[in-house]
Amino acid sequence: MTTFLIPVLTNNHYFEISVPLDGIVYNLEFYWNIRAQRFFLSLYDSNNNLIISSVPIILNFPLFYQYKNSNLPKGFLYAVDTTGKSIPPKLEDFGTRVQLYYDGVI
């Protein structure tokens, strides 16, 4: 497995990035939900077809683990609190204190 950091933007209520995961380009859409006080992630293929929607960013847990969809990346996408305190990310923490990683199968 190869592990790499996925660059996310800090202090943004909404942003999108395209990243190759196991050799396939995916579009990741992040948005901050004020009521829930957390980030959510939607995943699209390279043609912007929705694969999975509104997955909450939860620390130290594979974000797509509970979903069964053959179009999902084969590896594990997860968020980590770099301080080791396991404090969920606030708007200003995502991309700084809390980092997003991918463990790929290739």
C-alpha atoms as a PDB file:
ATOM      1  CA  MET A   1       0.000   0.000   0.000  1.00  0.00           C
ATOM      2  CA  THR A   2       1.066   3.534  -0.673  1.00  0.00           C
ATOM      3  CA  THR A   3      -0.041   6.320   1.650  1.00  0.00           C
ATOM      4  CA  PHE A   4      -0.236   9.919   0.566  1.00  0.00           C
ATOM      5  CA  LEU A   5      -1.566  13.212   1.831  1.00  0.00           C
ATOM      6  CA  ILE A   6      -4.513  14.707  -0.027  1.00  0.00           C
ATOM      7  CA  PRO A   7      -4.196  18.496  -0.158  1.00  0.00           C
ATOM      8  CA  VAL A   8      -7.295  20.169   1.246  1.00  0.00           C
ATOM      9  CA  LEU A   9      -7.959  23.878   1.538  1.00  0.00           C
ATOM     10  CA  THR A  10      -8.089  25.517   4.941  1.00  0.00           C
ATOM     11  CA  ASN A  11     -10.844  27.950   5.990  1.00  0.00           C
ATOM     12  CA  ASN A  12     -13.075  27.236   3.004  1.00  0.00           C
ATOM     13  CA  HIS A  13     -16.738  26.365   3.431  1.00  0.00           C
ATOM     14  CA  TYR A  14     -16.760  24.641   0.059  1.00  0.00           C
ATOM     15  CA  PHE A  15     -14.070  23.386  -2.282  1.00  0.00           C
ATOM     16  CA  GLU A  16     -13.392  20.722  -4.894  1.00  0.00           C
ATOM     17  CA  ILE A  17     -10.209  18.920  -5.861  1.00  0.00           C
ATOM     18  CA  SER A  18      -9.309  16.239  -8.388  1.00  0.00           C
ATOM     19  CA  VAL A  19      -6.931  13.518  -7.254  1.00  0.00           C
ATOM     20  CA  PRO A  20      -5.710  10.228  -8.687  1.00  0.00           C
ATOM     21  CA  LEU A  21      -6.503   7.334  -6.354  1.00  0.00           C
ATOM     22  CA  ASP A  22      -5.047   4.011  -7.444  1.00  0.00           C
ATOM     23  CA  GLY A  23      -4.500   5.396 -10.933  1.00  0.00           C
ATOM     24  CA  ILE A  24      -8.074   6.656 -11.396  1.00  0.00           C
ATOM     25  CA  VAL A  25      -8.920  10.366 -11.196  1.00  0.00           C
ATOM     26  CA  TYR A  26     -11.721  11.248  -8.789  1.00  0.00           C
ATOM     27  CA  ASN A  27     -13.284  14.601  -7.986  1.00  0.00           C
ATOM     28  CA  LEU A  28     -13.724  15.248  -4.284  1.00  0.00           C
ATOM     29  CA  GLU A  29     -16.206  17.859  -3.110  1.00  0.00           C
ATOM     30  CA  PHE A  30     -15.976  19.117   0.468  1.00  0.00           C
ATOM     31  CA  TYR A  31     -18.472  21.320   2.257  1.00  0.00           C
ATOM     32  CA  TRP A  32     -18.841  22.614   5.789  1.00  0.00           C
ATOM     33  CA  ASN A  33     -22.257  22.026   7.349  1.00  0.00           C
ATOM     34  CA  ILE A  34     -22.913  24.775   9.887  1.00  0.00           C
ATOM     35  CA  ARG A  35     -25.646  22.899  11.732  1.00  0.00           C
ATOM     36  CA  ALA A  36     -23.604  19.684  12.071  1.00  0.00           C
ATOM     37  CA  GLN A  37     -20.347  21.631  12.643  1.00  0.00           C
ATOM     38  CA  ARG A  38     -18.423  19.248  10.417  1.00  0.00           C
ATOM     39  CA  PHE A  39     -17.180  18.699   6.899  1.00  0.00           C
ATOM     40  CA  PHE A  40     -18.867  16.340   4.474  1.00  0.00           C
ATOM     41  CA  LEU A  41     -17.425  14.759   1.344  1.00  0.00           C
ATOM     42  CA  SER A  42     -19.023  13.768  -1.944  1.00  0.00           C
ATOM     43  CA  LEU A  43     -17.109  11.688  -4.475  1.00  0.00           C
ATOM     44  CA  TYR A  44     -17.437  11.908  -8.255  1.00  0.00           C
ATOM     45  CA  ASP A  45     -15.748  10.138 -11.130  1.00  0.00           C
ATOM     46  CA  SER A  46     -13.648  12.100 -13.630  1.00  0.00           C
ATOM     47  CA  ASN A  47     -16.791  12.878 -15.675  1.00  0.00           C
ATOM     48  CA  ASN A  48     -18.491  14.368 -12.587  1.00  0.00           C
ATOM     49  CA  ASN A  49     -20.890  11.461 -12.162  1.00  0.00           C
ATOM     50  CA  LEU A  50     -21.809  11.156  -8.505  1.00  0.00           C
ATOM     51  CA  ILE A  51     -20.480   8.007  -6.826  1.00  0.00           C
ATOM     52  CA  ILE A  52     -21.314   8.765  -3.201  1.00  0.00           C
ATOM     53  CA  SER A  53     -22.742  11.820  -1.471  1.00  0.00           C
ATOM     54  CA  SER A  54     -22.428  13.595   1.869  1.00  0.00           C
ATOM     55  CA  VAL A  55     -20.078  11.312   3.780  1.00  0.00           C
ATOM     56  CA  PRO A  56     -19.179  12.912   7.135  1.00  0.00           C
ATOM     57  CA  ILE A  57     -15.471  13.453   7.783  1.00  0.00           C
ATOM     58  CA  ILE A  58     -14.847  11.259  10.826  1.00  0.00           C
ATOM     59  CA  LEU A  59     -11.385  10.886  12.330  1.00  0.00           C
ATOM     60  CA  ASN A  60      -9.352   7.678  12.224  1.00  0.00           C
ATOM     61  CA  PHE A  61     -11.922   5.680  10.279  1.00  0.00           C
ATOM     62  CA  PRO A  62     -12.032   4.716   6.582  1.00  0.00           C
ATOM     63  CA  LEU A  63     -14.604   7.163   5.211  1.00  0.00           C
ATOM     64  CA  PHE A  64     -16.118   4.795   2.618  1.00  0.00           C
ATOM     65  CA  TYR A  65     -15.875   1.613   4.695  1.00  0.00           C
ATOM     66  CA  GLN A  66     -19.621   1.076   5.134  1.00  0.00           C
ATOM     67  CA  TYR A  67     -20.519   1.711   1.495  1.00  0.00           C
ATOM     68  CA  LYS A  68     -20.730  -0.935  -1.211  1.00  0.00           C
ATOM     69  CA  ASN A  69     -20.140   0.546  -4.648  1.00  0.00           C
ATOM     70  CA  SER A  70     -17.843  -0.886  -7.287  1.00  0.00           C
ATOM     71  CA  ASN A  71     -16.890   2.641  -8.414  1.00  0.00           C
ATOM     72  CA  LEU A  72     -15.344   3.582  -5.061  1.00  0.00           C
ATOM     73  CA  PRO A  73     -11.553   3.671  -4.738  1.00  0.00           C
ATOM     74  CA  LYS A  74     -10.151   0.330  -3.585  1.00  0.00           C
ATOM     75  CA  GLY A  75      -7.961   1.835  -0.857  1.00  0.00           C
ATOM     76  CA  PHE A  76      -8.829   3.730   2.324  1.00  0.00           C
ATOM     77  CA  LEU A  77      -9.495   7.458   2.670  1.00  0.00           C
ATOM     78  CA  TYR A  78      -9.295   8.739   6.239  1.00  0.00           C
ATOM     79  CA  ALA A  79      -8.779  11.894   8.317  1.00  0.00           C
ATOM     80  CA  VAL A  80      -6.203  12.156  11.108  1.00  0.00           C
ATOM     81  CA  ASP A  81      -5.773  14.676  13.912  1.00  0.00           C
ATOM     82  CA  THR A  82      -2.027  15.323  13.737  1.00  0.00           C
ATOM     83  CA  THR A  83      -1.926  16.291  17.424  1.00  0.00           C
ATOM     84  CA  GLY A  84      -3.082  12.800  18.397  1.00  0.00           C
ATOM     85  CA  LYS A  85      -5.975  14.235  20.445  1.00  0.00           C
ATOM     86  CA  SER A  86      -8.695  13.004  18.043  1.00  0.00           C
ATOM     87  CA  ILE A  87     -10.541  16.321  18.075  1.00  0.00           C
ATOM     88  CA  PRO A  88     -12.881  16.567  15.063  1.00  0.00           C
ATOM     89  CA  PRO A  89     -11.937  19.275  12.562  1.00  0.00           C
ATOM     90  CA  LYS A  90     -13.466  22.712  12.790  1.00  0.00           C
ATOM     91  CA  LEU A  91     -13.582  24.890   9.706  1.00  0.00           C
ATOM     92  CA  GLU A  92     -10.120  26.312  10.348  1.00  0.00           C
ATOM     93  CA  ASP A  93      -8.540  22.923  11.237  1.00  0.00           C
ATOM     94  CA  PHE A  94      -9.157  20.890   8.102  1.00  0.00           C
ATOM     95  CA  GLY A  95      -5.951  20.863   6.108  1.00  0.00           C
ATOM     96  CA  THR A  96      -3.833  22.006   9.045  1.00  0.00           C
ATOM     97  CA  ARG A  97      -4.342  20.140  12.323  1.00  0.00           C
ATOM     98  CA  VAL A  98      -6.537  17.540  10.625  1.00  0.00           C
ATOM     99  CA  GLN A  99      -5.095  15.984   7.479  1.00  0.00           C
ATOM    100  CA  LEU A 100      -6.703  13.726   4.885  1.00  0.00           C
ATOM    101  CA  TYR A 101      -4.784  10.633   3.763  1.00  0.00           C
ATOM    102  CA  TYR A 102      -5.288   7.862   1.253  1.00  0.00           C
ATOM    103  CA  ASP A 103      -3.876   4.343   1.579  1.00  0.00           C
ATOM    104  CA  GLY A 104      -3.874   2.985  -1.946  1.00  0.00           C
ATOM    105  CA  VAL A 105      -3.744  -0.555  -3.193  1.00  0.00           C
ATOM    106  CA  ILE A 106      -1.258   0.177  -5.986  1.00  0.00           C
END
